[in-house]
Amino acid sequence: MAPKARELYVQALSELDVPIPDEETAGRRLLVSLAFGLVQGVLSPKEVGDGLSMTVTARTQEETQFLSVVAEYSEWIEPDDLPARERELQAAAQLLAASTDLGPGIRVPAS
C-alpha cells in the first residue's frame, strides 16, 4: 500500500473507531483465520501454507503447534506421506480454532 493510501486508510479506520491491531495480534489473527479456513473446508492445506507469512508470531501453545505444522507442510512432501501430514495439519487447525482467545470477527482469507 502506498504511504499516502496507508495514511488515509488508517485515518478512515480511526474516524470509524475501528482499532488497528499491532503486528503480533495481526499475525495471530492470520494464523487463526487460516486454521478456520482449513477446518471449514474453505482453504486447502496448500492454500494454508501459501497464506502463511513467516513473520507471524505465535503466542499460545496451539498457535505454535499450528504454525509448526504449517511450516513443515509443503508441496514437496512424498505422496505416501501426504495423508498423514494433512491429518496432522487438520488436527492442529481444529485445536487452534477451538481454543483461540481472539474471539469473533475472524474472517477466512480468500483462496
Protein backbone atom coordinates (compact mmCIF):
# COMPACT_ATOMS: atom_id res chain seq x y z
CA MET A 1 0.00 0.00 0.00
CA ALA A 2 1.40 3.40 -0.95
CA PRO A 3 2.34 5.63 2.04
CA LYS A 4 -0.39 8.20 1.30
CA ALA A 5 -3.02 5.50 0.79
CA ARG A 6 -2.00 3.86 4.08
CA GLU A 7 -2.28 7.19 5.91
CA LEU A 8 -5.77 7.73 4.52
CA TYR A 9 -6.75 4.13 5.34
CA VAL A 10 -5.52 4.48 8.94
CA GLN A 11 -7.28 7.84 9.26
CA ALA A 12 -10.57 6.42 7.95
CA LEU A 13 -10.40 3.47 10.35
CA SER A 14 -9.63 5.83 13.21
CA GLU A 15 -12.62 8.03 12.35
CA LEU A 16 -14.81 4.92 12.30
CA ASP A 17 -13.40 3.83 15.68
CA VAL A 18 -12.06 0.62 14.14
CA PRO A 19 -8.98 -0.46 16.07
CA ILE A 20 -5.88 -1.41 14.10
CA PRO A 21 -4.17 -4.43 15.63
CA ASP A 22 -0.48 -4.40 16.38
CA GLU A 23 1.77 -6.61 14.27
CA GLU A 24 1.75 -9.51 16.73
CA THR A 25 -2.04 -9.54 17.02
CA ALA A 26 -2.43 -9.26 13.26
CA GLY A 27 -0.14 -12.25 12.79
CA ARG A 28 -2.02 -14.29 15.37
CA ARG A 29 -5.30 -13.41 13.68
CA LEU A 30 -3.82 -14.60 10.37
CA LEU A 31 -2.93 -17.95 11.95
CA VAL A 32 -6.42 -18.32 13.37
CA SER A 33 -8.11 -17.33 10.11
CA LEU A 34 -6.03 -19.91 8.22
CA ALA A 35 -6.97 -22.56 10.81
CA PHE A 36 -10.66 -21.70 10.49
CA GLY A 37 -10.39 -21.77 6.69
CA LEU A 38 -8.93 -25.27 6.80
CA VAL A 39 -11.43 -26.53 9.38
CA GLN A 40 -14.36 -25.12 7.40
CA GLY A 41 -13.07 -26.62 4.15
CA VAL A 42 -12.71 -23.20 2.53
CA LEU A 43 -8.92 -23.50 2.22
CA SER A 44 -6.79 -26.46 1.18
CA PRO A 45 -3.61 -27.39 3.05
CA LYS A 46 -1.60 -25.87 0.18
CA GLU A 47 -3.56 -22.61 0.38
CA VAL A 48 -2.95 -22.51 4.13
CA GLY A 49 0.78 -22.92 3.55
CA ASP A 50 0.77 -20.31 0.80
CA GLY A 51 -1.13 -17.86 3.04
CA LEU A 52 1.36 -18.10 5.86
CA SER A 53 3.72 -15.24 6.46
CA MET A 54 6.99 -16.31 8.00
CA THR A 55 6.93 -13.19 10.17
CA VAL A 56 3.95 -14.49 12.15
CA THR A 57 4.40 -14.73 15.90
CA ALA A 58 2.64 -17.44 17.87
CA ARG A 59 1.74 -16.76 21.49
CA THR A 60 -0.22 -19.83 22.63
CA GLN A 61 0.75 -23.49 22.52
CA GLU A 62 -1.99 -24.13 19.94
CA GLU A 63 -0.76 -21.29 17.70
CA THR A 64 2.80 -22.59 17.97
CA GLN A 65 1.73 -26.13 17.07
CA PHE A 66 -0.31 -24.96 14.07
CA LEU A 67 2.49 -22.69 12.86
CA SER A 68 4.99 -25.54 13.18
CA VAL A 69 2.84 -27.99 11.24
CA VAL A 70 2.06 -25.46 8.50
CA ALA A 71 5.73 -24.56 8.17
CA GLU A 72 6.61 -28.23 7.68
CA TYR A 73 3.86 -28.77 5.10
CA SER A 74 4.98 -28.32 1.51
CA GLU A 75 4.17 -29.44 -1.97
CA TRP A 76 7.40 -31.45 -1.91
CA ILE A 77 6.04 -33.97 0.60
CA GLU A 78 6.21 -37.51 -0.71
CA PRO A 79 2.77 -38.73 -1.89
CA ASP A 80 2.81 -41.56 0.67
CA ASP A 81 3.37 -39.05 3.49
CA LEU A 82 0.72 -36.58 2.33
CA PRO A 83 -2.37 -38.10 4.04
CA ALA A 84 -0.64 -38.25 7.43
CA ARG A 85 0.66 -34.67 7.10
CA GLU A 86 -2.79 -33.40 6.08
CA ARG A 87 -4.37 -35.17 9.08
CA GLU A 88 -1.76 -33.59 11.34
CA LEU A 89 -2.47 -30.16 9.82
CA GLN A 90 -6.24 -30.63 10.14
CA ALA A 91 -5.87 -31.69 13.81
CA ALA A 92 -3.67 -28.67 14.61
CA ALA A 93 -6.16 -26.36 12.85
CA GLN A 94 -9.11 -27.80 14.77
CA LEU A 95 -7.28 -27.45 18.08
CA LEU A 96 -6.41 -23.82 17.34
CA ALA A 97 -9.91 -22.96 16.10
CA ALA A 98 -11.43 -24.47 19.24
CA SER A 99 -9.05 -22.79 21.68
CA THR A 100 -8.42 -19.30 20.32
CA ASP A 101 -8.97 -16.27 22.52
CA LEU A 102 -9.11 -13.90 19.58
CA GLY A 103 -12.90 -14.01 19.57
CA PRO A 104 -15.47 -13.35 16.90
CA GLY A 105 -14.83 -11.47 13.72
CA ILE A 106 -12.15 -13.77 12.34
CA ARG A 107 -12.51 -13.83 8.60
CA VAL A 108 -11.26 -16.65 6.44
CA PRO A 109 -8.86 -15.34 3.80
CA ALA A 110 -9.95 -15.75 0.20
CA SER A 111 -8.37 -18.70 -1.54
